[in-house]
C-alpha cells in the first residue's frame, strides 16, 4: 500500500494560526493608515481654509480689533473659524490669529498667524 500524501490536521491548524496572526497584523496596520489619512486630510482642508481667511482679510484691509467666530463650509464639511484681530504698535498694522477646527469638535484644528494692513 502506498503512503497517503497531503497535510496532517496539525500542519493545517498551524498554517491557519500563522495566517490568522498575519491577517490581524495587516488589519491593524490598515486601520491605522486610514485613521492617519483622515487626520491629514482634515489638517490640509483646515490649513487651506485658514490661508484663504487670512488672504481675504489682507484683501479687505481689516480695521477693528476683536474676535469673530464663524461656521464655514469647505470640502463638504463644516468648520469653525475663529479670527482674533489685535492692534500692534504700528497703527496701520493688525496681528491676526486664525484658528480653524471641525465644527463638531472632532479634531484639534489648525492655527495661523499673520499681519494685515488697515484700510483707510
PDB file of N, CA and C in Angstrom:
ATOM      1  N   UNK A   1       0.832  -1.180   0.000  1.00  0.00           N
ATOM      2  CA  UNK A   1       0.000   0.000   0.000  1.00  0.00           C
ATOM      3  C   UNK A   1       0.885   1.254   0.000  1.00  0.00           C
ATOM      4  N   UNK A   2       0.454   2.212  -0.729  1.00  0.00           N
ATOM      5  CA  UNK A   2       1.171   3.465  -0.893  1.00  0.00           C
ATOM      6  C   UNK A   2       0.887   4.390   0.279  1.00  0.00           C
ATOM      7  N   UNK A   3       1.905   5.120   0.806  1.00  0.00           N
ATOM      8  CA  UNK A   3       1.641   6.036   1.916  1.00  0.00           C
ATOM      9  C   UNK A   3       0.763   7.207   1.447  1.00  0.00           C
ATOM     10  N   UNK A   4      -0.112   7.687   2.316  1.00  0.00           N
ATOM     11  CA  UNK A   4      -1.023   8.793   1.997  1.00  0.00           C
ATOM     12  C   UNK A   4      -0.238  10.087   1.855  1.00  0.00           C
ATOM     13  N   UNK A   5      -0.649  10.866   0.874  1.00  0.00           N
ATOM     14  CA  UNK A   5       0.001  12.160   0.663  1.00  0.00           C
ATOM     15  C   UNK A   5      -0.931  13.257   1.144  1.00  0.00           C
ATOM     16  N   UNK A   6      -0.344  14.415   1.521  1.00  0.00           N
ATOM     17  CA  UNK A   6      -1.146  15.543   1.955  1.00  0.00           C
ATOM     18  C   UNK A   6      -0.672  16.031   3.314  1.00  0.00           C
ATOM     19  N   UNK A   7      -1.415  16.948   3.848  1.00  0.00           N
ATOM     20  CA  UNK A   7      -1.057  17.549   5.117  1.00  0.00           C
ATOM     21  C   UNK A   7      -1.829  16.882   6.247  1.00  0.00           C
ATOM     22  N   UNK A   8      -1.188  16.843   7.389  1.00  0.00           N
ATOM     23  CA  UNK A   8      -1.885  16.323   8.570  1.00  0.00           C
ATOM     24  C   UNK A   8      -2.737  17.432   9.149  1.00  0.00           C
ATOM     25  N   UNK A   9      -3.638  17.080  10.012  1.00  0.00           N
ATOM     26  CA  UNK A   9      -4.516  18.064  10.649  1.00  0.00           C
ATOM     27  C   UNK A   9      -3.697  19.080  11.443  1.00  0.00           C
ATOM     28  N   UNK A  10      -2.660  18.635  12.098  1.00  0.00           N
ATOM     29  CA  UNK A  10      -1.809  19.529  12.883  1.00  0.00           C
ATOM     30  C   UNK A  10      -1.120  20.560  11.979  1.00  0.00           C
ATOM     31  N   UNK A  11      -0.626  20.134  10.843  1.00  0.00           N
ATOM     32  CA  UNK A  11       0.023  21.061   9.915  1.00  0.00           C
ATOM     33  C   UNK A  11      -0.963  22.108   9.386  1.00  0.00           C
ATOM     34  N   UNK A  12      -2.156  21.686   9.092  1.00  0.00           N
ATOM     35  CA  UNK A  12      -3.178  22.617   8.600  1.00  0.00           C
ATOM     36  C   UNK A  12      -3.538  23.619   9.690  1.00  0.00           C
ATOM     37  N   UNK A  13      -3.674  23.175  10.942  1.00  0.00           N
ATOM     38  CA  UNK A  13      -4.017  24.079  12.042  1.00  0.00           C
ATOM     39  C   UNK A  13      -2.908  25.088  12.299  1.00  0.00           C
ATOM     40  N   UNK A  14      -1.656  24.676  12.215  1.00  0.00           N
ATOM     41  CA  UNK A  14      -0.529  25.604  12.400  1.00  0.00           C
ATOM     42  C   UNK A  14      -0.522  26.633  11.271  1.00  0.00           C
ATOM     43  N   UNK A  15      -0.748  26.190  10.052  1.00  0.00           N
ATOM     44  CA  UNK A  15      -0.778  27.123   8.919  1.00  0.00           C
ATOM     45  C   UNK A  15      -1.911  28.135   9.077  1.00  0.00           C
ATOM     46  N   UNK A  16      -3.082  27.691   9.524  1.00  0.00           N
ATOM     47  CA  UNK A  16      -4.199  28.609   9.749  1.00  0.00           C
ATOM     48  C   UNK A  16      -3.906  29.589  10.879  1.00  0.00           C
ATOM     49  N   UNK A  17      -3.238  29.151  11.920  1.00  0.00           N
ATOM     50  CA  UNK A  17      -2.885  30.040  13.031  1.00  0.00           C
ATOM     51  C   UNK A  17      -1.921  31.127  12.559  1.00  0.00           C
ATOM     52  N   UNK A  18      -0.935  30.740  11.776  1.00  0.00           N
ATOM     53  CA  UNK A  18       0.016  31.726  11.235  1.00  0.00           C
ATOM     54  C   UNK A  18      -0.713  32.713  10.332  1.00  0.00           C
ATOM     55  N   UNK A  19      -1.589  32.226   9.487  1.00  0.00           N
ATOM     56  CA  UNK A  19      -2.360  33.093   8.597  1.00  0.00           C
ATOM     57  C   UNK A  19      -3.243  34.057   9.389  1.00  0.00           C
ATOM     58  N   UNK A  20      -3.859  33.586  10.474  1.00  0.00           N
ATOM     59  CA  UNK A  20      -4.708  34.452  11.299  1.00  0.00           C
ATOM     60  C   UNK A  20      -3.897  35.562  11.956  1.00  0.00           C
ATOM     61  N   UNK A  21      -2.702  35.257  12.440  1.00  0.00           N
ATOM     62  CA  UNK A  21      -1.848  36.279  13.062  1.00  0.00           C
ATOM     63  C   UNK A  21      -1.437  37.327  12.034  1.00  0.00           C
ATOM     64  N   UNK A  22      -1.045  36.895  10.858  1.00  0.00           N
ATOM     65  CA  UNK A  22      -0.642  37.833   9.800  1.00  0.00           C
ATOM     66  C   UNK A  22      -1.833  38.694   9.381  1.00  0.00           C
ATOM     67  N   UNK A  23      -3.009  38.102   9.237  1.00  0.00           N
ATOM     68  CA  UNK A  23      -4.199  38.864   8.851  1.00  0.00           C
ATOM     69  C   UNK A  23      -4.554  39.904   9.905  1.00  0.00           C
ATOM     70  N   UNK A  24      -4.420  39.561  11.179  1.00  0.00           N
ATOM     71  CA  UNK A  24      -4.710  40.520  12.250  1.00  0.00           C
ATOM     72  C   UNK A  24      -3.731  41.688  12.215  1.00  0.00           C
ATOM     73  N   UNK A  25      -2.467  41.412  11.942  1.00  0.00           N
ATOM     74  CA  UNK A  25      -1.470  42.486  11.869  1.00  0.00           C
ATOM     75  C   UNK A  25      -1.738  43.400  10.676  1.00  0.00           C
ATOM     76  N   UNK A  26      -2.094  42.818   9.541  1.00  0.00           N
ATOM     77  CA  UNK A  26      -2.398  43.625   8.352  1.00  0.00           C
ATOM     78  C   UNK A  26      -3.637  44.482   8.596  1.00  0.00           C
ATOM     79  N   UNK A  27      -4.637  43.921   9.232  1.00  0.00           N
ATOM     80  CA  UNK A  27      -5.860  44.667   9.535  1.00  0.00           C
ATOM     81  C   UNK A  27      -5.570  45.864  10.448  1.00  0.00           C
ATOM     82  N   UNK A  28      -4.782  45.666  11.490  1.00  0.00           N
ATOM     83  CA  UNK A  28      -4.439  46.759  12.402  1.00  0.00           C
ATOM     84  C   UNK A  28      -3.654  47.852  11.674  1.00  0.00           C
ATOM     85  N   UNK A  29      -2.750  47.456  10.805  1.00  0.00           N
ATOM     86  CA  UNK A  29      -1.970  48.431  10.047  1.00  0.00           C
ATOM     87  C   UNK A  29      -2.858  49.238   9.109  1.00  0.00           C
ATOM     88  N   UNK A  30      -3.789  48.586   8.450  1.00  0.00           N
ATOM     89  CA  UNK A  30      -4.706  49.298   7.547  1.00  0.00           C
ATOM     90  C   UNK A  30      -5.607  50.259   8.307  1.00  0.00           C
ATOM     91  N   UNK A  31      -6.092  49.862   9.475  1.00  0.00           N
ATOM     92  CA  UNK A  31      -6.916  50.769  10.286  1.00  0.00           C
ATOM     93  C   UNK A  31      -6.128  52.015  10.679  1.00  0.00           C
ATOM     94  N   UNK A  32      -4.885  51.834  11.099  1.00  0.00           N
ATOM     95  CA  UNK A  32      -4.045  52.964  11.486  1.00  0.00           C
ATOM     96  C   UNK A  32      -3.798  53.877  10.285  1.00  0.00           C
ATOM     97  N   UNK A  33      -3.568  53.278   9.123  1.00  0.00           N
ATOM     98  CA  UNK A  33      -3.339  54.065   7.911  1.00  0.00           C
ATOM     99  C   UNK A  33      -4.572  54.886   7.540  1.00  0.00           C
ATOM    100  N   UNK A  34      -5.750  54.297   7.614  1.00  0.00           N
ATOM    101  CA  UNK A  34      -6.992  55.008   7.286  1.00  0.00           C
ATOM    102  C   UNK A  34      -7.209  56.163   8.264  1.00  0.00           C
ATOM    103  N   UNK A  35      -6.980  55.936   9.549  1.00  0.00           N
ATOM    104  CA  UNK A  35      -7.146  56.992  10.561  1.00  0.00           C
ATOM    105  C   UNK A  35      -6.165  58.135  10.300  1.00  0.00           C
ATOM    106  N   UNK A  36      -4.905  57.808  10.015  1.00  0.00           N
ATOM    107  CA  UNK A  36      -3.908  58.848   9.750  1.00  0.00           C
ATOM    108  C   UNK A  36      -4.239  59.632   8.485  1.00  0.00           C
ATOM    109  N   UNK A  37      -4.759  58.945   7.475  1.00  0.00           N
ATOM    110  CA  UNK A  37      -5.150  59.624   6.239  1.00  0.00           C
ATOM    111  C   UNK A  37      -6.270  60.623   6.502  1.00  0.00           C
ATOM    112  N   UNK A  38      -7.238  60.233   7.317  1.00  0.00           N
ATOM    113  CA  UNK A  38      -8.352  61.128   7.651  1.00  0.00           C
ATOM    114  C   UNK A  38      -7.846  62.361   8.417  1.00  0.00           C
ATOM    115  N   UNK A  39      -6.928  62.147   9.353  1.00  0.00           N
ATOM    116  CA  UNK A  39      -6.375  63.270  10.120  1.00  0.00           C
ATOM    117  C   UNK A  39      -5.618  64.227   9.196  1.00  0.00           C
ATOM    118  N   UNK A  40      -4.808  63.687   8.299  1.00  0.00           N
ATOM    119  CA  UNK A  40      -4.053  64.534   7.369  1.00  0.00           C
ATOM    120  C   UNK A  40      -4.971  65.296   6.421  1.00  0.00           C
ATOM    121  N   UNK A  41      -6.040  64.651   5.981  1.00  0.00           N
ATOM    122  CA  UNK A  41      -6.999  65.338   5.111  1.00  0.00           C
ATOM    123  C   UNK A  41      -7.660  66.494   5.861  1.00  0.00           C
ATOM    124  N   UNK A  42      -8.049  66.275   7.109  1.00  0.00           N
ATOM    125  CA  UNK A  42      -8.655  67.340   7.912  1.00  0.00           C
ATOM    126  C   UNK A  42      -7.687  68.496   8.107  1.00  0.00           C
ATOM    127  N   UNK A  43      -6.433  68.186   8.399  1.00  0.00           N
ATOM    128  CA  UNK A  43      -5.442  69.252   8.597  1.00  0.00           C
ATOM    129  C   UNK A  43      -5.203  70.042   7.318  1.00  0.00           C
ATOM    130  N   UNK A  44      -5.159  69.344   6.189  1.00  0.00           N
ATOM    131  CA  UNK A  44      -4.947  70.034   4.916  1.00  0.00           C
ATOM    132  C   UNK A  44      -6.114  70.970   4.604  1.00  0.00           C
ATOM    133  N   UNK A  45      -7.349  70.485   4.752  1.00  0.00           N
ATOM    134  CA  UNK A  45      -8.514  71.333   4.496  1.00  0.00           C
ATOM    135  C   UNK A  45      -8.565  72.512   5.461  1.00  0.00           C
ATOM    136  N   UNK A  46      -8.288  72.266   6.743  1.00  0.00           N
ATOM    137  CA  UNK A  46      -8.292  73.351   7.729  1.00  0.00           C
ATOM    138  C   UNK A  46      -7.194  74.358   7.425  1.00  0.00           C
ATOM    139  N   UNK A  47      -6.034  73.892   6.997  1.00  0.00           N
ATOM    140  CA  UNK A  47      -4.942  74.798   6.637  1.00  0.00           C
ATOM    141  C   UNK A  47      -5.285  75.666   5.448  1.00  0.00           C
ATOM    142  N   UNK A  48      -5.920  75.070   4.438  1.00  0.00           N
ATOM    143  CA  UNK A  48      -6.333  75.855   3.268  1.00  0.00           C
ATOM    144  C   UNK A  48      -7.361  76.906   3.660  1.00  0.00           C
ATOM    145  N   UNK A  49      -8.286  76.524   4.515  1.00  0.00           N
ATOM    146  CA  UNK A  49      -9.311  77.473   4.946  1.00  0.00           C
ATOM    147  C   UNK A  49      -8.683  78.617   5.743  1.00  0.00           C
ATOM    148  N   UNK A  50      -7.712  78.311   6.597  1.00  0.00           N
ATOM    149  CA  UNK A  50      -7.022  79.360   7.357  1.00  0.00           C
ATOM    150  C   UNK A  50      -6.261  80.292   6.411  1.00  0.00           C
ATOM    151  N   UNK A  51      -5.557  79.730   5.429  1.00  0.00           N
ATOM    152  CA  UNK A  51      -4.845  80.545   4.435  1.00  0.00           C
ATOM    153  C   UNK A  51      -5.810  81.440   3.659  1.00  0.00           C
ATOM    154  N   UNK A  52      -6.932  80.874   3.229  1.00  0.00           N
ATOM    155  CA  UNK A  52      -7.928  81.653   2.484  1.00  0.00           C
ATOM    156  C   UNK A  52      -8.498  82.782   3.333  1.00  0.00           C
ATOM    157  N   UNK A  53      -8.764  82.487   4.617  1.00  0.00           N
ATOM    158  CA  UNK A  53      -9.314  83.503   5.511  1.00  0.00           C
ATOM    159  C   UNK A  53      -8.330  84.653   5.691  1.00  0.00           C
ATOM    160  N   UNK A  54      -7.044  84.341   5.888  1.00  0.00           N
ATOM    161  CA  UNK A  54      -6.038  85.392   6.035  1.00  0.00           C
ATOM    162  C   UNK A  54      -5.908  86.197   4.746  1.00  0.00           C
ATOM    163  N   UNK A  55      -5.931  85.542   3.594  1.00  0.00           N
ATOM    164  CA  UNK A  55      -5.845  86.257   2.319  1.00  0.00           C
ATOM    165  C   UNK A  55      -7.038  87.186   2.125  1.00  0.00           C
ATOM    166  N   UNK A  56      -8.237  86.728   2.494  1.00  0.00           N
ATOM    167  CA  UNK A  56      -9.427  87.586   2.390  1.00  0.00           C
ATOM    168  C   UNK A  56      -9.292  88.811   3.288  1.00  0.00           C
ATOM    169  N   UNK A  57      -8.797  88.611   4.505  1.00  0.00           N
ATOM    170  CA  UNK A  57      -8.620  89.743   5.415  1.00  0.00           C
ATOM    171  C   UNK A  57      -7.579  90.718   4.877  1.00  0.00           C
ATOM    172  N   UNK A  58      -6.509  90.200   4.249  1.00  0.00           N
ATOM    173  CA  UNK A  58      -5.489  91.073   3.676  1.00  0.00           C
ATOM    174  C   UNK A  58      -6.049  91.876   2.511  1.00  0.00           C
ATOM    175  N   UNK A  59      -6.928  91.274   1.733  1.00  0.00           N
ATOM    176  CA  UNK A  59      -7.540  91.994   0.615  1.00  0.00           C
ATOM    177  C   UNK A  59      -8.534  93.048   1.096  1.00  0.00           C
ATOM    178  N   UNK A  60      -9.261  92.745   2.176  1.00  0.00           N
ATOM    179  CA  UNK A  60     -10.268  93.672   2.695  1.00  0.00           C
ATOM    180  C   UNK A  60      -9.645  94.818   3.475  1.00  0.00           C
ATOM    181  N   UNK A  61      -8.487  94.606   4.083  1.00  0.00           N
ATOM    182  CA  UNK A  61      -7.879  95.631   4.918  1.00  0.00           C
ATOM    183  C   UNK A  61      -8.638  95.789   6.220  1.00  0.00           C
ATOM    184  N   UNK A  62      -8.425  94.885   7.134  1.00  0.00           N
ATOM    185  CA  UNK A  62      -9.149  94.849   8.404  1.00  0.00           C
ATOM    186  C   UNK A  62      -8.839  96.081   9.243  1.00  0.00           C
ATOM    187  N   UNK A  63      -9.835  96.613   9.932  1.00  0.00           N
ATOM    188  CA  UNK A  63      -9.622  97.808  10.754  1.00  0.00           C
ATOM    189  C   UNK A  63      -9.845  97.555  12.235  1.00  0.00           C
ATOM    190  N   UNK A  64     -10.935  96.959  12.609  1.00  0.00           N
ATOM    191  CA  UNK A  64     -11.322  96.888  14.022  1.00  0.00           C
ATOM    192  C   UNK A  64     -10.780  95.632  14.697  1.00  0.00           C
ATOM    193  N   UNK A  65     -10.047  95.809  15.802  1.00  0.00           N
ATOM    194  CA  UNK A  65      -9.616  94.644  16.579  1.00  0.00           C
ATOM    195  C   UNK A  65     -10.820  93.964  17.226  1.00  0.00           C
ATOM    196  N   UNK A  66     -10.698  92.660  17.456  1.00  0.00           N
ATOM    197  CA  UNK A  66     -11.762  91.901  18.095  1.00  0.00           C
ATOM    198  C   UNK A  66     -11.716  90.439  17.686  1.00  0.00           C
ATOM    199  N   UNK A  67     -12.621  89.675  18.261  1.00  0.00           N
ATOM    200  CA  UNK A  67     -12.700  88.245  17.973  1.00  0.00           C
ATOM    201  C   UNK A  67     -13.989  87.962  17.220  1.00  0.00           C
ATOM    202  N   UNK A  68     -13.863  87.228  16.116  1.00  0.00           N
ATOM    203  CA  UNK A  68     -15.008  86.865  15.300  1.00  0.00           C
ATOM    204  C   UNK A  68     -15.035  85.347  15.154  1.00  0.00           C
ATOM    205  N   UNK A  69     -16.197  84.741  15.385  1.00  0.00           N
ATOM    206  CA  UNK A  69     -16.352  83.293  15.334  1.00  0.00           C
ATOM    207  C   UNK A  69     -17.409  82.949  14.286  1.00  0.00           C
ATOM    208  N   UNK A  70     -17.037  82.167  13.265  1.00  0.00           N
ATOM    209  CA  UNK A  70     -17.963  81.810  12.181  1.00  0.00           C
ATOM    210  C   UNK A  70     -17.950  80.309  11.938  1.00  0.00           C
ATOM    211  N   UNK A  71     -19.018  79.830  11.337  1.00  0.00           N
ATOM    212  CA  UNK A  71     -19.087  78.465  10.826  1.00  0.00           C
ATOM    213  C   UNK A  71     -19.065  78.565   9.303  1.00  0.00           C
ATOM    214  N   UNK A  72     -18.100  77.883   8.672  1.00  0.00           N
ATOM    215  CA  UNK A  72     -17.888  77.963   7.232  1.00  0.00           C
ATOM    216  C   UNK A  72     -17.913  76.547   6.667  1.00  0.00           C
ATOM    217  N   UNK A  73     -18.405  76.416   5.430  1.00  0.00           N
ATOM    218  CA  UNK A  73     -18.400  75.107   4.783  1.00  0.00           C
ATOM    219  C   UNK A  73     -17.328  75.083   3.706  1.00  0.00           C
ATOM    220  N   UNK A  74     -16.489  74.053   3.758  1.00  0.00           N
ATOM    221  CA  UNK A  74     -15.461  73.857   2.739  1.00  0.00           C
ATOM    222  C   UNK A  74     -15.155  72.371   2.657  1.00  0.00           C
ATOM    223  N   UNK A  75     -14.979  71.877   1.455  1.00  0.00           N
ATOM    224  CA  UNK A  75     -14.668  70.470   1.266  1.00  0.00           C
ATOM    225  C   UNK A  75     -15.789  69.550   1.709  1.00  0.00           C
ATOM    226  N   UNK A  76     -17.017  70.028   1.644  1.00  0.00           N
ATOM    227  CA  UNK A  76     -18.151  69.223   2.052  1.00  0.00           C
ATOM    228  C   UNK A  76     -18.274  69.054   3.558  1.00  0.00           C
ATOM    229  N   UNK A  77     -17.557  69.878   4.315  1.00  0.00           N
ATOM    230  CA  UNK A  77     -17.596  69.799   5.776  1.00  0.00           C
ATOM    231  C   UNK A  77     -17.817  71.178   6.364  1.00  0.00           C
ATOM    232  N   UNK A  78     -18.266  71.188   7.595  1.00  0.00           N
ATOM    233  CA  UNK A  78     -18.470  72.450   8.307  1.00  0.00           C
ATOM    234  C   UNK A  78     -17.291  72.677   9.248  1.00  0.00           C
ATOM    235  N   UNK A  79     -16.765  73.917   9.221  1.00  0.00           N
ATOM    236  CA  UNK A  79     -15.594  74.278  10.013  1.00  0.00           C
ATOM    237  C   UNK A  79     -15.905  75.487  10.886  1.00  0.00           C
ATOM    238  N   UNK A  80     -15.328  75.512  12.052  1.00  0.00           N
ATOM    239  CA  UNK A  80     -15.420  76.676  12.937  1.00  0.00           C
ATOM    240  C   UNK A  80     -14.159  77.503  12.728  1.00  0.00           C
ATOM    241  N   UNK A  81     -14.338  78.758  12.346  1.00  0.00           N
ATOM    242  CA  UNK A  81     -13.221  79.669  12.073  1.00  0.00           C
ATOM    243  C   UNK A  81     -13.270  80.803  13.097  1.00  0.00           C
ATOM    244  N   UNK A  82     -12.226  80.913  13.911  1.00  0.00           N
ATOM    245  CA  UNK A  82     -12.130  81.975  14.905  1.00  0.00           C
ATOM    246  C   UNK A  82     -11.012  82.916  14.470  1.00  0.00           C
ATOM    247  N   UNK A  83     -11.379  84.188  14.266  1.00  0.00           N
ATOM    248  CA  UNK A  83     -10.406  85.222  13.880  1.00  0.00           C
ATOM    249  C   UNK A  83     -10.207  86.163  15.064  1.00  0.00           C
ATOM    250  N   UNK A  84      -8.990  86.244  15.532  1.00  0.00           N
ATOM    251  CA  UNK A  84      -8.634  87.143  16.633  1.00  0.00           C
ATOM    252  C   UNK A  84      -7.743  88.238  16.058  1.00  0.00           C
ATOM    253  N   UNK A  85      -8.294  89.447  15.957  1.00  0.00           N
ATOM    254  CA  UNK A  85      -7.570  90.582  15.373  1.00  0.00           C
ATOM    255  C   UNK A  85      -7.138  91.493  16.512  1.00  0.00           C
ATOM    256  N   UNK A  86      -5.835  91.767  16.573  1.00  0.00           N
ATOM    257  CA  UNK A  86      -5.286  92.586  17.659  1.00  0.00           C
ATOM    258  C   UNK A  86      -4.507  93.762  17.097  1.00  0.00           C
ATOM    259  N   UNK A  87      -4.551  94.859  17.844  1.00  0.00           N
ATOM    260  CA  UNK A  87      -3.779  96.041  17.469  1.00  0.00           C
ATOM    261  C   UNK A  87      -2.294  95.772  17.724  1.00  0.00           C
ATOM    262  N   UNK A  88      -1.445  96.464  16.981  1.00  0.00           N
ATOM    263  CA  UNK A  88       0.004  96.358  17.169  1.00  0.00           C
ATOM    264  C   UNK A  88       0.556  97.746  17.475  1.00  0.00           C
ATOM    265  N   UNK A  89       1.853  97.831  17.702  1.00  0.00           N
ATOM    266  CA  UNK A  89       2.492  99.121  17.969  1.00  0.00           C
ATOM    267  C   UNK A  89       2.411 100.030  16.738  1.00  0.00           C
ATOM    268  N   UNK A  90       2.337  99.438  15.576  1.00  0.00           N
ATOM    269  CA  UNK A  90       2.179 100.199  14.334  1.00  0.00           C
ATOM    270  C   UNK A  90       0.690 100.398  14.079  1.00  0.00           C
ATOM    271  N   UNK A  91       0.195 101.636  14.045  1.00  0.00           N
ATOM    272  CA  UNK A  91      -1.247 101.875  13.919  1.00  0.00           C
ATOM    273  C   UNK A  91      -1.868 101.342  12.627  1.00  0.00           C
ATOM    274  N   UNK A  92      -1.085 101.204  11.567  1.00  0.00           N
ATOM    275  CA  UNK A  92      -1.623 100.756  10.289  1.00  0.00           C
ATOM    276  C   UNK A  92      -1.486  99.241  10.080  1.00  0.00           C
ATOM    277  N   UNK A  93      -1.182  98.505  11.171  1.00  0.00           N
ATOM    278  CA  UNK A  93      -0.952  97.071  11.064  1.00  0.00           C
ATOM    279  C   UNK A  93      -1.695  96.334  12.171  1.00  0.00           C
ATOM    280  N   UNK A  94      -2.305  95.212  11.837  1.00  0.00           N
ATOM    281  CA  UNK A  94      -3.021  94.388  12.815  1.00  0.00           C
ATOM    282  C   UNK A  94      -2.441  92.975  12.811  1.00  0.00           C
ATOM    283  N   UNK A  95      -2.357  92.392  13.997  1.00  0.00           N
ATOM    284  CA  UNK A  95      -1.975  90.990  14.143  1.00  0.00           C
ATOM    285  C   UNK A  95      -3.247  90.155  14.067  1.00  0.00           C
ATOM    286  N   UNK A  96      -3.246  89.149  13.196  1.00  0.00           N
ATOM    287  CA  UNK A  96      -4.419  88.294  13.018  1.00  0.00           C
ATOM    288  C   UNK A  96      -4.027  86.858  13.377  1.00  0.00           C
ATOM    289  N   UNK A  97      -4.784  86.285  14.289  1.00  0.00           N
ATOM    290  CA  UNK A  97      -4.612  84.873  14.633  1.00  0.00           C
ATOM    291  C   UNK A  97      -5.882  84.141  14.206  1.00  0.00           C
ATOM    292  N   UNK A  98      -5.716  83.130  13.389  1.00  0.00           N
ATOM    293  CA  UNK A  98      -6.855  82.370  12.867  1.00  0.00           C
ATOM    294  C   UNK A  98      -6.762  80.942  13.379  1.00  0.00           C
ATOM    295  N   UNK A  99      -7.864  80.454  13.896  1.00  0.00           N
ATOM    296  CA  UNK A  99      -7.939  79.059  14.380  1.00  0.00           C
ATOM    297  C   UNK A  99      -9.096  78.378  13.643  1.00  0.00           C
ATOM    298  N   UNK A 100      -8.795  77.286  12.951  1.00  0.00           N
ATOM    299  CA  UNK A 100      -9.805  76.539  12.205  1.00  0.00           C
ATOM    300  C   UNK A 100      -9.889  75.138  12.799  1.00  0.00           C
ATOM    301  N   UNK A 101     -11.098  74.725  13.155  1.00  0.00           N
ATOM    302  CA  UNK A 101     -11.315  73.375  13.677  1.00  0.00           C
ATOM    303  C   UNK A 101     -12.627  72.830  13.130  1.00  0.00           C
ATOM    304  N   UNK A 102     -12.795  71.537  13.231  1.00  0.00           N
ATOM    305  CA  UNK A 102     -14.028  70.893  12.794  1.00  0.00           C
ATOM    306  C   UNK A 102     -15.187  71.446  13.606  1.00  0.00           C
ATOM    307  N   UNK A 103     -16.301  71.748  12.953  1.00  0.00           N
ATOM    308  CA  UNK A 103     -17.443  72.344  13.653  1.00  0.00           C
ATOM    309  C   UNK A 103     -17.985  71.412  14.727  1.00  0.00           C
ATOM    310  N   UNK A 104     -17.809  70.103  14.542  1.00  0.00           N
ATOM    311  CA  UNK A 104     -18.287  69.139  15.533  1.00  0.00           C
ATOM    312  C   UNK A 104     -17.285  68.963  16.672  1.00  0.00           C
ATOM    313  N   UNK A 105     -16.116  69.586  16.558  1.00  0.00           N
ATOM    314  CA  UNK A 105     -15.106  69.487  17.608  1.00  0.00           C
ATOM    315  C   UNK A 105     -14.392  68.152  17.639  1.00  0.00           C
ATOM    316  N   UNK A 106     -14.285  67.491  16.476  1.00  0.00           N
ATOM    317  CA  UNK A 106     -13.681  66.167  16.435  1.00  0.00           C
ATOM    318  C   UNK A 106     -12.167  66.193  16.301  1.00  0.00           C
ATOM    319  N   UNK A 107     -11.587  67.320  15.936  1.00  0.00           N
ATOM    320  CA  UNK A 107     -10.129  67.358  15.802  1.00  0.00           C
ATOM    321  C   UNK A 107      -9.563  68.584  16.484  1.00  0.00           C
ATOM    322  N   UNK A 108      -8.248  68.623  16.589  1.00  0.00           N
ATOM    323  CA  UNK A 108      -7.575  69.724  17.264  1.00  0.00           C
ATOM    324  C   UNK A 108      -7.544  71.005  16.465  1.00  0.00           C
ATOM    325  N   UNK A 109      -7.549  70.897  15.151  1.00  0.00           N
ATOM    326  CA  UNK A 109      -7.586  72.072  14.309  1.00  0.00           C
ATOM    327  C   UNK A 109      -6.215  72.588  13.934  1.00  0.00           C
ATOM    328  N   UNK A 110      -6.227  73.758  13.261  1.00  0.00           N
ATOM    329  CA  UNK A 110      -5.023  74.393  12.733  1.00  0.00           C
ATOM    330  C   UNK A 110      -5.025  75.854  13.151  1.00  0.00           C
ATOM    331  N   UNK A 111      -3.850  76.372  13.493  1.00  0.00           N
ATOM    332  CA  UNK A 111      -3.706  77.793  13.825  1.00  0.00           C
ATOM    333  C   UNK A 111      -2.793  78.462  12.824  1.00  0.00           C
ATOM    334  N   UNK A 112      -3.103  79.729  12.541  1.00  0.00           N
ATOM    335  CA  UNK A 112      -2.301  80.504  11.600  1.00  0.00           C
ATOM    336  C   UNK A 112      -2.255  81.941  12.108  1.00  0.00           C
ATOM    337  N   UNK A 113      -1.075  82.560  12.066  1.00  0.00           N
ATOM    338  CA  UNK A 113      -0.925  83.956  12.465  1.00  0.00           C
ATOM    339  C   UNK A 113      -0.331  84.741  11.298  1.00  0.00           C
ATOM    340  N   UNK A 114      -0.726  86.002  11.215  1.00  0.00           N
ATOM    341  CA  UNK A 114      -0.203  86.864  10.177  1.00  0.00           C
ATOM    342  C   UNK A 114      -0.509  88.310  10.460  1.00  0.00           C
ATOM    343  N   UNK A 115      -0.044  89.188   9.605  1.00  0.00           N
ATOM    344  CA  UNK A 115      -0.293  90.609   9.775  1.00  0.00           C
ATOM    345  C   UNK A 115      -1.114  91.130   8.602  1.00  0.00           C
ATOM    346  N   UNK A 116      -1.984  92.083   8.901  1.00  0.00           N
ATOM    347  CA  UNK A 116      -2.862  92.669   7.891  1.00  0.00           C
ATOM    348  C   UNK A 116      -2.795  94.174   8.019  1.00  0.00           C
ATOM    349  N   UNK A 117      -2.710  94.843   6.869  1.00  0.00           N
ATOM    350  CA  UNK A 117      -2.729  96.293   6.874  1.00  0.00           C
ATOM    351  C   UNK A 117      -4.141  96.825   7.061  1.00  0.00           C
ATOM    352  N   UNK A 118      -4.244  97.994   7.669  1.00  0.00           N
ATOM    353  CA  UNK A 118      -5.551  98.623   7.927  1.00  0.00           C
ATOM    354  C   UNK A 118      -5.934  99.454   6.712  1.00  0.00           C
ATOM    355  N   UNK A 119      -7.166  99.273   6.239  1.00  0.00           N
ATOM    356  CA  UNK A 119      -7.621 100.075   5.118  1.00  0.00           C
ATOM    357  C   UNK A 119      -7.958 101.479   5.596  1.00  0.00           C
ATOM    358  N   UNK A 120      -7.802 102.414   4.717  1.00  0.00           N
ATOM    359  CA  UNK A 120      -8.050 103.813   5.101  1.00  0.00           C
ATOM    360  C   UNK A 120      -9.448 104.203   4.769  1.00  0.00           C
TER     361      UNK A 120
END
